C-alpha atoms as a PDB file:
ATOM      1  CA  MET A   1      97.909  85.596 110.037  1.00  0.00           C
ATOM      2  CA  ASN A   2      97.939  86.930 113.588  1.00  0.00           C
ATOM      3  CA  MET A   3      97.739  90.576 114.586  1.00  0.00           C
ATOM      4  CA  ARG A   4     101.370  90.833 115.728  1.00  0.00           C
ATOM      5  CA  LYS A   5     102.620  89.644 112.344  1.00  0.00           C
ATOM      6  CA  LYS A   6     100.355  92.131 110.529  1.00  0.00           C
ATOM      7  CA  VAL A   7     101.563  95.020 112.719  1.00  0.00           C
ATOM      8  CA  THR A   8     105.147  93.986 111.979  1.00  0.00           C
ATOM      9  CA  ILE A   9     104.437  93.958 108.225  1.00  0.00           C
ATOM     10  CA  VAL A  10     102.788  97.410 108.298  1.00  0.00           C
ATOM     11  CA  ALA A  11     105.504  98.924 110.505  1.00  0.00           C
ATOM     12  CA  GLY A  12     108.255  97.337 108.405  1.00  0.00           C
ATOM     13  CA  THR A  13     106.713  98.618 105.193  1.00  0.00           C
ATOM     14  CA  PHE A  14     106.433 102.121 106.669  1.00  0.00           C
ATOM     15  CA  LEU A  15     110.064 102.047 107.839  1.00  0.00           C
ATOM     16  CA  ILE A  16     111.317 100.823 104.456  1.00  0.00           C
ATOM     17  CA  ILE A  17     109.410 103.585 102.651  1.00  0.00           C
ATOM     18  CA  LEU A  18     110.708 106.177 105.132  1.00  0.00           C
ATOM     19  CA  PHE A  19     114.279 104.883 104.721  1.00  0.00           C
ATOM     20  CA  LEU A  20     114.124 104.946 100.906  1.00  0.00           C
ATOM     21  CA  CYS A  21     112.621 108.447 100.888  1.00  0.00           C
ATOM     22  CA  SER A  22     115.343 109.636 103.282  1.00  0.00           C
ATOM     23  CA  ILE A  23     118.068 108.171 101.059  1.00  0.00           C
ATOM     24  CA  TYR A  24     116.525 109.848  98.002  1.00  0.00           C
ATOM     25  CA  ILE A  25     116.285 113.222  99.769  1.00  0.00           C
ATOM     26  CA  MET A  26     119.895 112.974 100.966  1.00  0.00           C
ATOM     27  CA  LEU A  27     121.161 112.042  97.493  1.00  0.00           C
ATOM     28  CA  TYR A  28     119.202 114.891  95.935  1.00  0.00           C
ATOM     29  CA  ALA A  29     120.331 117.438  98.547  1.00  0.00           C
ATOM     30  CA  LYS A  30     123.997 116.416  98.531  1.00  0.00           C
ATOM     31  CA  PHE A  31     124.634 115.481  94.901  1.00  0.00           C
ATOM     32  CA  GLY A  32     121.602 116.747  92.971  1.00  0.00           C
ATOM     33  CA  ILE A  33     120.765 113.182  91.959  1.00  0.00           C
ATOM     34  CA  GLY A  34     117.046 112.899  91.333  1.00  0.00           C
ATOM     35  CA  PHE A  35     114.538 111.215  89.100  1.00  0.00           C
ATOM     36  CA  PRO A  36     114.005 113.155  85.879  1.00  0.00           C
ATOM     37  CA  CYS A  37     110.417 113.462  84.729  1.00  0.00           C
ATOM     38  CA  ILE A  38     110.211 111.254  81.661  1.00  0.00           C
ATOM     39  CA  PHE A  39     106.927 112.899  80.619  1.00  0.00           C
ATOM     40  CA  HIS A  40     108.515 116.376  80.722  1.00  0.00           C
ATOM     41  CA  GLU A  41     111.651 115.165  78.938  1.00  0.00           C
ATOM     42  CA  VAL A  42     109.636 113.634  76.084  1.00  0.00           C
ATOM     43  CA  THR A  43     106.807 116.167  75.689  1.00  0.00           C
ATOM     44  CA  GLY A  44     108.120 119.381  77.254  1.00  0.00           C
ATOM     45  CA  GLN A  45     104.849 119.567  79.207  1.00  0.00           C
ATOM     46  CA  TYR A  46     104.423 119.365  82.976  1.00  0.00           C
ATOM     47  CA  CYS A  47     102.867 116.290  84.536  1.00  0.00           C
ATOM     48  CA  ALA A  48     100.961 116.368  87.823  1.00  0.00           C
ATOM     49  CA  GLY A  49     104.118 115.302  89.679  1.00  0.00           C
ATOM     50  CA  CYS A  50     106.535 117.831  88.162  1.00  0.00           C
ATOM     51  CA  GLY A  51     108.120 119.885  90.911  1.00  0.00           C
ATOM     52  CA  MET A  52     107.330 117.383  93.653  1.00  0.00           C
ATOM     53  CA  THR A  53     110.960 116.662  94.584  1.00  0.00           C
ATOM     54  CA  ARG A  54     111.734 120.378  94.667  1.00  0.00           C
ATOM     55  CA  ALA A  55     108.597 120.917  96.779  1.00  0.00           C
ATOM     56  CA  ILE A  56     109.751 118.294  99.267  1.00  0.00           C
ATOM     57  CA  MET A  57     113.187 119.915  99.421  1.00  0.00           C
ATOM     58  CA  ALA A  58     111.547 123.300 100.061  1.00  0.00           C
ATOM     59  CA  LEU A  59     109.440 121.718 102.821  1.00  0.00           C
ATOM     60  CA  LYS A  60     112.628 120.324 104.320  1.00  0.00           C
ATOM     61  CA  GLU A  61     113.783 123.937 104.637  1.00  0.00           C
ATOM     62  CA  LEU A  62     110.317 124.935 105.978  1.00  0.00           C
ATOM     63  CA  ASP A  63     109.761 127.146 102.925  1.00  0.00           C
ATOM     64  CA  PHE A  64     106.059 126.407 102.536  1.00  0.00           C
ATOM     65  CA  TYR A  65     105.361 129.116  99.983  1.00  0.00           C
ATOM     66  CA  GLN A  66     108.103 127.886  97.634  1.00  0.00           C
ATOM     67  CA  ALA A  67     106.902 124.296  98.062  1.00  0.00           C
ATOM     68  CA  PHE A  68     103.385 125.475  97.244  1.00  0.00           C
ATOM     69  CA  ARG A  69     104.666 127.150  94.071  1.00  0.00           C
ATOM     70  CA  TYR A  70     106.523 124.011  92.951  1.00  0.00           C
ATOM     71  CA  ASN A  71     103.554 121.670  93.295  1.00  0.00           C
ATOM     72  CA  ILE A  72     100.246 122.805  94.785  1.00  0.00           C
ATOM     73  CA  PHE A  73      98.555 119.451  94.426  1.00  0.00           C
ATOM     74  CA  ILE A  74     100.904 117.721  96.874  1.00  0.00           C
ATOM     75  CA  PHE A  75      99.221 119.704  99.670  1.00  0.00           C
ATOM     76  CA  ILE A  76      95.816 118.391  98.600  1.00  0.00           C
ATOM     77  CA  ALA A  77      96.506 114.771  97.681  1.00  0.00           C
ATOM     78  CA  PHE A  78      99.173 113.801 100.227  1.00  0.00           C
ATOM     79  CA  PRO A  79      96.996 114.133 103.367  1.00  0.00           C
ATOM     80  CA  PHE A  80      94.272 112.015 101.739  1.00  0.00           C
ATOM     81  CA  LEU A  81      96.840 109.405 100.733  1.00  0.00           C
ATOM     82  CA  VAL A  82      98.235 109.198 104.279  1.00  0.00           C
ATOM     83  CA  ILE A  83      94.768 108.928 105.851  1.00  0.00           C
ATOM     84  CA  TYR A  84      93.761 106.282 103.300  1.00  0.00           C
ATOM     85  CA  CYS A  85      96.865 104.173 103.977  1.00  0.00           C
ATOM     86  CA  LEU A  86      96.476 104.457 107.759  1.00  0.00           C
ATOM     87  CA  LEU A  87      92.820 103.465 107.718  1.00  0.00           C
ATOM     88  CA  GLU A  88      93.356 100.600 105.278  1.00  0.00           C
ATOM     89  CA  SER A  89      96.196  99.297 107.479  1.00  0.00           C
ATOM     90  CA  TYR A  90      94.007  99.607 110.572  1.00  0.00           C
ATOM     91  CA  TYR A  91      91.173  97.587 109.043  1.00  0.00           C
ATOM     92  CA  TRP A  92      93.572  94.992 107.623  1.00  0.00           C
ATOM     93  CA  ILE A  93      95.338  94.498 110.959  1.00  0.00           C
ATOM     94  CA  LEU A  94      92.077  94.066 112.851  1.00  0.00           C
ATOM     95  CA  ASN A  95      90.472  91.849 110.172  1.00  0.00           C
ATOM     96  CA  ARG A  96      87.492  94.127 110.033  1.00  0.00           C
ATOM     97  CA  LYS A  97      85.302  95.027 107.128  1.00  0.00           C
ATOM     98  CA  ASN A  98      85.962  98.577 106.094  1.00  0.00           C
ATOM     99  CA  ARG A  99      82.656 100.363 106.607  1.00  0.00           C
ATOM    100  CA  PHE A 100      83.917 103.330 104.644  1.00  0.00           C
ATOM    101  CA  GLU A 101      85.103 101.366 101.613  1.00  0.00           C
ATOM    102  CA  ASN A 102      82.684 103.131  99.261  1.00  0.00           C
ATOM    103  CA  VAL A 103      83.771 106.516 100.606  1.00  0.00           C
ATOM    104  CA  PHE A 104      87.433 105.554 100.138  1.00  0.00           C
ATOM    105  CA  HIS A 105      86.826 104.497  96.559  1.00  0.00           C
ATOM    106  CA  THR A 106      84.940 107.712  95.828  1.00  0.00           C
ATOM    107  CA  VAL A 107      87.739 109.823  97.325  1.00  0.00           C
ATOM    108  CA  ALA A 108      90.316 107.830  95.340  1.00  0.00           C
ATOM    109  CA  VAL A 109      88.416 108.472  92.095  1.00  0.00           C
ATOM    110  CA  VAL A 110      88.083 112.191  92.925  1.00  0.00           C
ATOM    111  CA  ILE A 111      91.823 112.425  93.626  1.00  0.00           C
ATOM    112  CA  LEU A 112      92.637 110.564  90.400  1.00  0.00           C
ATOM    113  CA  VAL A 113      90.417 112.909  88.385  1.00  0.00           C
ATOM    114  CA  GLY A 114      92.004 115.836  90.244  1.00  0.00           C
ATOM    115  CA  VAL A 115      95.504 114.632  89.400  1.00  0.00           C
ATOM    116  CA  LEU A 116      94.604 114.275  85.721  1.00  0.00           C
ATOM    117  CA  ALA A 117      92.911 117.688  85.626  1.00  0.00           C
ATOM    118  CA  TYR A 118      95.849 119.299  87.434  1.00  0.00           C
ATOM    119  CA  GLY A 119      98.295 117.730  84.988  1.00  0.00           C
ATOM    120  CA  VAL A 120      96.336 119.118  82.039  1.00  0.00           C
ATOM    121  CA  LEU A 121      95.554 122.560  83.485  1.00  0.00           C
ATOM    122  CA  ARG A 122      99.127 123.376  84.494  1.00  0.00           C
ATOM    123  CA  ASN A 123     100.026 123.291  80.777  1.00  0.00           C
ATOM    124  CA  VAL A 124      97.225 125.640  79.692  1.00  0.00           C
ATOM    125  CA  PRO A 125      98.459 129.256  79.344  1.00  0.00           C
ATOM    126  CA  ALA A 126      95.546 130.638  81.411  1.00  0.00           C
ATOM    127  CA  PHE A 127      96.662 128.416  84.311  1.00  0.00           C
ATOM    128  CA  SER A 128     100.417 128.984  83.954  1.00  0.00           C
ATOM    129  CA  TRP A 129     100.529 129.841  87.659  1.00  0.00           C
ATOM    130  CA  LEU A 130     100.146 126.083  88.315  1.00  0.00           C
ATOM    131  CA  ALA A 131     103.482 125.326  86.609  1.00  0.00           C
ATOM    132  CA  PRO A 132     106.499 124.763  88.888  1.00  0.00           C
ATOM    133  CA  THR A 133     107.924 128.203  89.634  1.00  0.00           C
ATOM    134  CA  ASP A 134     111.054 129.360  91.444  1.00  0.00           C
ATOM    135  CA  ILE A 135     110.443 132.297  93.761  1.00  0.00           C
ATOM    136  CA  ILE A 136     113.377 134.704  93.710  1.00  0.00           C
END
């Protein structure tokens, strides 16, 4: 596969993801239609992703503190996810061996462990400040 085709695939994938996220944000903002958290519905506990849609909506309004209170972990994991996807795309497009593959895998494992720990801790009473909270 040539480089132009790979760039087209990466750019197309990015645009599709951006389009779908925009549609979801518009539907949520206009009609309140969102994805319910199945984990929260079944168990009554918060998962690591609970509050993420509300955090994104708060970010849309540039209310960083409220977004932080809805889901703190999004501010930690999202930048790593973006950097990971950009670098993986770069190496794939150029057909190069990723020299940092071991580092990427280590960071991915650390983020996964962090997500699991965050999901557990936000349900422990001593860490109730991690639960999604509306600021009045």
